[in-house]
């Protein structure tokens, strides 16, 4: 949970413009890391759940754990802070096993 909170803190510090996650449609393949980090706590949470589902479908893993979500949140926050122009999909692909 601490890593997930770190990702949220990074969002506040970066002060990136807010992205509307409540839009009718969001193409996750086009969202940049900067937009991800600037989407606010609710936006990041929503996208992390989507990312978990996306990765679970690829790996056929139906288990969602607190430890995994912390690892995922930490990775996304760290990767996106270092690579703001990369896409969320690139961040997902860079996720260590």
N, C-alpha and C. Protein backbone atom coordinates (compact mmCIF):
# COMPACT_ATOMS: atom_id res chain seq x y z
N UNK A 1 0.82 -1.19 0.00
CA UNK A 1 0.00 0.00 0.00
C UNK A 1 0.86 1.26 0.00
N UNK A 2 2.03 1.17 0.65
CA UNK A 2 2.92 2.32 0.70
C UNK A 2 3.37 2.72 -0.69
N UNK A 3 3.63 1.73 -1.55
CA UNK A 3 4.07 2.05 -2.91
C UNK A 3 2.95 2.69 -3.71
N UNK A 4 1.74 2.22 -3.49
CA UNK A 4 0.59 2.80 -4.17
C UNK A 4 0.41 4.24 -3.72
N UNK A 5 0.57 4.48 -2.43
CA UNK A 5 0.48 5.85 -1.93
C UNK A 5 1.60 6.72 -2.49
N UNK A 6 2.77 6.12 -2.70
CA UNK A 6 3.87 6.85 -3.31
C UNK A 6 3.49 7.29 -4.72
N UNK A 7 2.84 6.40 -5.45
CA UNK A 7 2.40 6.75 -6.81
C UNK A 7 1.42 7.93 -6.76
N UNK A 8 0.51 7.90 -5.79
CA UNK A 8 -0.44 9.01 -5.65
C UNK A 8 0.28 10.30 -5.28
N UNK A 9 1.28 10.21 -4.40
CA UNK A 9 2.04 11.39 -4.00
C UNK A 9 2.79 11.98 -5.19
N UNK A 10 3.32 11.10 -6.04
CA UNK A 10 4.02 11.57 -7.23
C UNK A 10 3.09 12.40 -8.12
N UNK A 11 1.85 11.97 -8.19
CA UNK A 11 0.87 12.70 -9.00
C UNK A 11 0.71 14.13 -8.51
N UNK A 12 0.57 14.25 -7.20
CA UNK A 12 0.38 15.57 -6.62
C UNK A 12 1.61 16.44 -6.83
N UNK A 13 2.79 15.86 -6.69
CA UNK A 13 4.02 16.62 -6.85
C UNK A 13 4.26 17.06 -8.28
N UNK A 14 3.91 16.22 -9.22
CA UNK A 14 4.16 16.56 -10.62
C UNK A 14 3.23 17.64 -11.13
N UNK A 15 2.05 17.73 -10.53
CA UNK A 15 1.11 18.76 -10.93
C UNK A 15 0.68 18.69 -12.38
N UNK A 16 0.68 17.49 -12.93
CA UNK A 16 0.28 17.32 -14.32
C UNK A 16 -1.20 17.61 -14.47
N UNK A 17 -1.62 18.03 -15.64
CA UNK A 17 -3.03 18.31 -15.85
C UNK A 17 -3.89 17.07 -15.65
N UNK A 18 -5.09 17.29 -15.14
CA UNK A 18 -6.00 16.19 -14.87
C UNK A 18 -6.54 15.60 -16.17
N UNK A 19 -6.62 14.27 -16.22
CA UNK A 19 -7.20 13.58 -17.36
C UNK A 19 -8.56 13.06 -16.92
N UNK A 20 -9.55 13.23 -17.71
CA UNK A 20 -10.88 12.78 -17.34
C UNK A 20 -11.02 11.28 -17.59
N UNK A 21 -11.05 10.51 -16.51
CA UNK A 21 -11.25 9.08 -16.63
C UNK A 21 -12.74 8.78 -16.78
N UNK A 22 -13.57 9.75 -16.48
CA UNK A 22 -15.00 9.56 -16.57
C UNK A 22 -15.52 9.78 -17.99
N UNK A 23 -14.64 9.94 -18.93
CA UNK A 23 -15.07 10.13 -20.32
C UNK A 23 -15.83 8.89 -20.79
N UNK A 24 -16.61 9.06 -21.86
CA UNK A 24 -17.37 7.94 -22.39
C UNK A 24 -16.46 6.80 -22.82
N UNK A 25 -15.32 7.13 -23.38
CA UNK A 25 -14.35 6.13 -23.82
C UNK A 25 -12.95 6.62 -23.52
N UNK A 26 -12.10 5.70 -23.13
CA UNK A 26 -10.70 6.02 -22.91
C UNK A 26 -9.87 4.94 -23.59
N UNK A 27 -9.03 5.32 -24.52
CA UNK A 27 -8.16 4.37 -25.20
C UNK A 27 -6.90 4.22 -24.37
N UNK A 28 -6.80 3.15 -23.61
CA UNK A 28 -5.66 2.93 -22.72
C UNK A 28 -4.35 2.83 -23.49
N UNK A 29 -4.41 2.49 -24.75
CA UNK A 29 -3.21 2.40 -25.56
C UNK A 29 -2.61 3.76 -25.90
N UNK A 30 -3.37 4.82 -25.70
CA UNK A 30 -2.90 6.15 -26.05
C UNK A 30 -2.57 7.03 -24.84
N UNK A 31 -2.88 6.56 -23.65
CA UNK A 31 -2.64 7.36 -22.45
C UNK A 31 -1.15 7.36 -22.14
N UNK A 32 -0.60 8.54 -21.94
CA UNK A 32 0.82 8.65 -21.59
C UNK A 32 0.99 8.50 -20.09
N UNK A 33 2.21 8.23 -19.71
CA UNK A 33 2.53 8.14 -18.28
C UNK A 33 2.23 9.47 -17.58
N UNK A 34 2.49 10.57 -18.25
CA UNK A 34 2.20 11.88 -17.67
C UNK A 34 0.71 12.02 -17.40
N UNK A 35 -0.12 11.58 -18.34
CA UNK A 35 -1.57 11.63 -18.14
C UNK A 35 -2.00 10.69 -17.02
N UNK A 36 -1.39 9.50 -16.98
CA UNK A 36 -1.68 8.54 -15.92
C UNK A 36 -1.40 9.17 -14.56
N UNK A 37 -0.21 9.74 -14.39
CA UNK A 37 0.16 10.33 -13.11
C UNK A 37 -0.67 11.56 -12.78
N UNK A 38 -1.16 12.24 -13.79
CA UNK A 38 -1.95 13.44 -13.57
C UNK A 38 -3.45 13.20 -13.47
N UNK A 39 -3.87 11.95 -13.44
CA UNK A 39 -5.30 11.65 -13.47
C UNK A 39 -5.96 11.66 -12.09
N UNK A 40 -5.20 11.95 -11.06
CA UNK A 40 -5.76 12.03 -9.71
C UNK A 40 -5.90 10.65 -9.09
N UNK A 41 -6.19 10.64 -7.81
CA UNK A 41 -6.27 9.38 -7.07
C UNK A 41 -7.30 8.42 -7.65
N UNK A 42 -8.47 8.93 -7.96
CA UNK A 42 -9.52 8.07 -8.52
C UNK A 42 -9.14 7.56 -9.91
N UNK A 43 -8.57 8.42 -10.73
CA UNK A 43 -8.16 8.00 -12.07
C UNK A 43 -7.08 6.93 -12.03
N UNK A 44 -6.09 7.13 -11.16
CA UNK A 44 -5.02 6.14 -11.04
C UNK A 44 -5.58 4.82 -10.54
N UNK A 45 -6.44 4.88 -9.53
CA UNK A 45 -7.04 3.65 -8.99
C UNK A 45 -7.82 2.90 -10.06
N UNK A 46 -8.61 3.65 -10.81
CA UNK A 46 -9.41 3.03 -11.88
C UNK A 46 -8.50 2.38 -12.92
N UNK A 47 -7.46 3.10 -13.32
CA UNK A 47 -6.56 2.55 -14.33
C UNK A 47 -5.76 1.37 -13.80
N UNK A 48 -5.37 1.39 -12.53
CA UNK A 48 -4.64 0.25 -11.97
C UNK A 48 -5.50 -1.00 -11.97
N UNK A 49 -6.78 -0.85 -11.69
CA UNK A 49 -7.68 -2.01 -11.73
C UNK A 49 -7.80 -2.51 -13.17
N UNK A 50 -7.91 -1.58 -14.13
CA UNK A 50 -7.97 -1.99 -15.54
C UNK A 50 -6.68 -2.70 -15.93
N UNK A 51 -5.53 -2.14 -15.53
CA UNK A 51 -4.23 -2.75 -15.86
C UNK A 51 -4.14 -4.15 -15.27
N UNK A 52 -4.58 -4.30 -14.03
CA UNK A 52 -4.57 -5.63 -13.40
C UNK A 52 -5.41 -6.61 -14.23
N UNK A 53 -6.59 -6.18 -14.64
CA UNK A 53 -7.45 -7.04 -15.46
C UNK A 53 -6.81 -7.38 -16.80
N UNK A 54 -6.20 -6.39 -17.42
CA UNK A 54 -5.52 -6.60 -18.70
C UNK A 54 -4.40 -7.62 -18.56
N UNK A 55 -3.58 -7.43 -17.53
CA UNK A 55 -2.46 -8.34 -17.32
C UNK A 55 -2.94 -9.73 -16.91
N UNK A 56 -4.02 -9.79 -16.13
CA UNK A 56 -4.58 -11.08 -15.72
C UNK A 56 -5.11 -11.86 -16.92
N UNK A 57 -5.73 -11.15 -17.85
CA UNK A 57 -6.24 -11.82 -19.04
C UNK A 57 -5.09 -12.39 -19.87
N UNK A 58 -3.98 -11.66 -19.96
CA UNK A 58 -2.83 -12.14 -20.71
C UNK A 58 -2.18 -13.36 -20.05
N UNK A 59 -2.18 -13.39 -18.72
CA UNK A 59 -1.50 -14.47 -18.01
C UNK A 59 -2.45 -15.57 -17.53
N UNK A 60 -3.75 -15.38 -17.74
CA UNK A 60 -4.77 -16.31 -17.27
C UNK A 60 -4.74 -16.48 -15.75
N UNK A 61 -4.39 -15.40 -15.06
CA UNK A 61 -4.36 -15.39 -13.60
C UNK A 61 -5.58 -14.63 -13.10
N UNK A 62 -6.41 -15.29 -12.33
CA UNK A 62 -7.64 -14.65 -11.86
C UNK A 62 -7.53 -14.17 -10.41
N UNK A 63 -6.33 -14.21 -9.84
CA UNK A 63 -6.15 -13.80 -8.45
C UNK A 63 -5.71 -12.34 -8.38
N UNK A 64 -6.36 -11.57 -7.51
CA UNK A 64 -5.97 -10.19 -7.26
C UNK A 64 -5.60 -10.10 -5.79
N UNK A 65 -4.36 -9.74 -5.50
CA UNK A 65 -3.91 -9.67 -4.11
C UNK A 65 -3.43 -8.27 -3.77
N UNK A 66 -3.44 -7.98 -2.49
CA UNK A 66 -2.96 -6.69 -2.01
C UNK A 66 -1.48 -6.52 -2.37
N UNK A 67 -0.68 -7.57 -2.19
CA UNK A 67 0.75 -7.50 -2.50
C UNK A 67 0.96 -7.19 -3.98
N UNK A 68 0.19 -7.84 -4.86
CA UNK A 68 0.32 -7.60 -6.29
C UNK A 68 -0.05 -6.17 -6.65
N UNK A 69 -1.14 -5.68 -6.09
CA UNK A 69 -1.58 -4.32 -6.42
C UNK A 69 -0.56 -3.29 -5.94
N UNK A 70 0.08 -3.55 -4.79
CA UNK A 70 1.14 -2.66 -4.30
C UNK A 70 2.33 -2.69 -5.26
N UNK A 71 2.70 -3.87 -5.71
CA UNK A 71 3.81 -4.00 -6.66
C UNK A 71 3.48 -3.29 -7.97
N UNK A 72 2.27 -3.50 -8.46
CA UNK A 72 1.83 -2.87 -9.71
C UNK A 72 1.82 -1.35 -9.56
N UNK A 73 1.23 -0.86 -8.48
CA UNK A 73 1.18 0.59 -8.26
C UNK A 73 2.57 1.20 -8.13
N UNK A 74 3.45 0.50 -7.42
CA UNK A 74 4.82 0.98 -7.28
C UNK A 74 5.55 1.04 -8.61
N UNK A 75 5.37 -0.02 -9.40
CA UNK A 75 6.02 -0.05 -10.72
C UNK A 75 5.50 1.07 -11.61
N UNK A 76 4.18 1.19 -11.69
CA UNK A 76 3.60 2.20 -12.58
C UNK A 76 4.02 3.61 -12.15
N UNK A 77 4.00 3.88 -10.85
CA UNK A 77 4.39 5.20 -10.36
C UNK A 77 5.85 5.50 -10.66
N UNK A 78 6.72 4.54 -10.39
CA UNK A 78 8.15 4.72 -10.60
C UNK A 78 8.49 4.83 -12.09
N UNK A 79 7.97 3.89 -12.89
CA UNK A 79 8.24 3.89 -14.33
C UNK A 79 7.73 5.17 -14.97
N UNK A 80 6.51 5.55 -14.65
CA UNK A 80 5.90 6.72 -15.29
C UNK A 80 6.58 8.02 -14.87
N UNK A 81 7.06 8.09 -13.63
CA UNK A 81 7.78 9.28 -13.18
C UNK A 81 9.07 9.45 -13.98
N UNK A 82 9.70 8.34 -14.35
CA UNK A 82 10.96 8.38 -15.09
C UNK A 82 10.75 8.50 -16.60
N UNK A 83 9.56 8.11 -17.08
CA UNK A 83 9.29 8.07 -18.52
C UNK A 83 7.94 8.71 -18.83
N UNK A 84 7.77 10.00 -18.56
CA UNK A 84 6.44 10.61 -18.70
C UNK A 84 5.87 10.60 -20.12
N UNK A 85 6.71 10.55 -21.13
CA UNK A 85 6.18 10.57 -22.50
C UNK A 85 5.85 9.17 -23.02
N UNK A 86 6.26 8.14 -22.31
CA UNK A 86 5.90 6.77 -22.71
C UNK A 86 4.42 6.52 -22.41
N UNK A 87 3.88 5.51 -23.05
CA UNK A 87 2.48 5.18 -22.82
C UNK A 87 2.32 4.23 -21.64
N UNK A 88 1.11 4.18 -21.14
CA UNK A 88 0.79 3.23 -20.07
C UNK A 88 1.06 1.80 -20.54
N UNK A 89 0.78 1.53 -21.80
CA UNK A 89 1.03 0.19 -22.32
C UNK A 89 2.52 -0.15 -22.31
N UNK A 90 3.38 0.83 -22.58
CA UNK A 90 4.81 0.59 -22.49
C UNK A 90 5.22 0.31 -21.04
N UNK A 91 4.60 1.01 -20.11
CA UNK A 91 4.88 0.78 -18.69
C UNK A 91 4.45 -0.63 -18.29
N UNK A 92 3.31 -1.07 -18.80
CA UNK A 92 2.84 -2.43 -18.51
C UNK A 92 3.82 -3.46 -19.03
N UNK A 93 4.29 -3.26 -20.26
CA UNK A 93 5.22 -4.21 -20.87
C UNK A 93 6.56 -4.26 -20.12
N UNK A 94 6.90 -3.16 -19.44
CA UNK A 94 8.17 -3.10 -18.70
C UNK A 94 8.04 -3.66 -17.28
N UNK A 95 6.85 -4.12 -16.92
CA UNK A 95 6.62 -4.65 -15.58
C UNK A 95 7.44 -5.92 -15.37
N UNK A 96 8.29 -5.94 -14.33
CA UNK A 96 9.06 -7.16 -14.06
C UNK A 96 8.13 -8.31 -13.64
N UNK A 97 8.56 -9.51 -13.91
CA UNK A 97 7.75 -10.70 -13.58
C UNK A 97 7.47 -10.78 -12.12
